[in-house]
Amino acid sequence: MADSVAAKRYGRKASDAARLKTAGVVLAGGRSVRFGSPKAFGIHQGRYFYERAVDALAPVCDAVVIVTREALKERFPDHLSVITDHEDYQGLGPLAGIYSAMCAVQADRYAVLPCDMPFMTSDVTARLLEAAGGQNVCAVRLGERKHPLVSIWSRAMLEPLRKALDGGRYRVLELLEQADAEWLDGSTLVPDAGDAERVFRNVNSPDQMKA
């Protein structure tokens, strides 16, 4: 089952019993086949990709949790909250990771980022949180391209997530469609709209690190 860890502020533990307003979730359990090694440990400007994701979330969240697979868990430092998928849904993709984070950390909403967006900044995540409306899920799109894992999830989505996983429905976009997710224009979330493509770039190979 998902590790029953207390959520940690960036370097400080939060109470197990505390209900947080916003928890940050870094999804860092992908297989990274095209990248050639675990993307969480790719490096940009001297910092691991997962550290860049934590850096983008920590200033605007009450706690941050990293969801990874068992084989990588010991590579993360002890001062961070790191969990693996719930025992019933191990290795079932991003929805399992988000569900597992919700089980491990009590919060009203969850700001989710994949670990493979090393150009993301806390300014952008702050704007995303501010722009998120009353929908149970809010995610980003840039033109015709959707970024469902750059998203804000209400705790009300815990049960729909469980039902989707139990039903073998693992596609994030399918669940967002069912939840009538709100899609925000990513170009409005960055200080310079011309920089949006870079900020929201999913890095799948080292060649894509060129700014």
Foldseek 3Di string as FASTA:
>chain_A
DKPQDAFAQQQGGDDSPDAWAEEEEEEQADPLVLAPDRQQQDDDPRDGLVVLSCQQPRVPTPGYEYEYDPVCQVVDDPSHHYIYFDPVQHPLDDLRRVLSVCVNHHHQKYFFDYSQQNLAHNQLLVLQVVPADDFQKEFEAEVPRTDRRRIMGGSVCNVVSVVCRVVVNRDSVVSCVVSVYHYDHQLVRDPHSVCSCNRPDGDSYPVNSPD
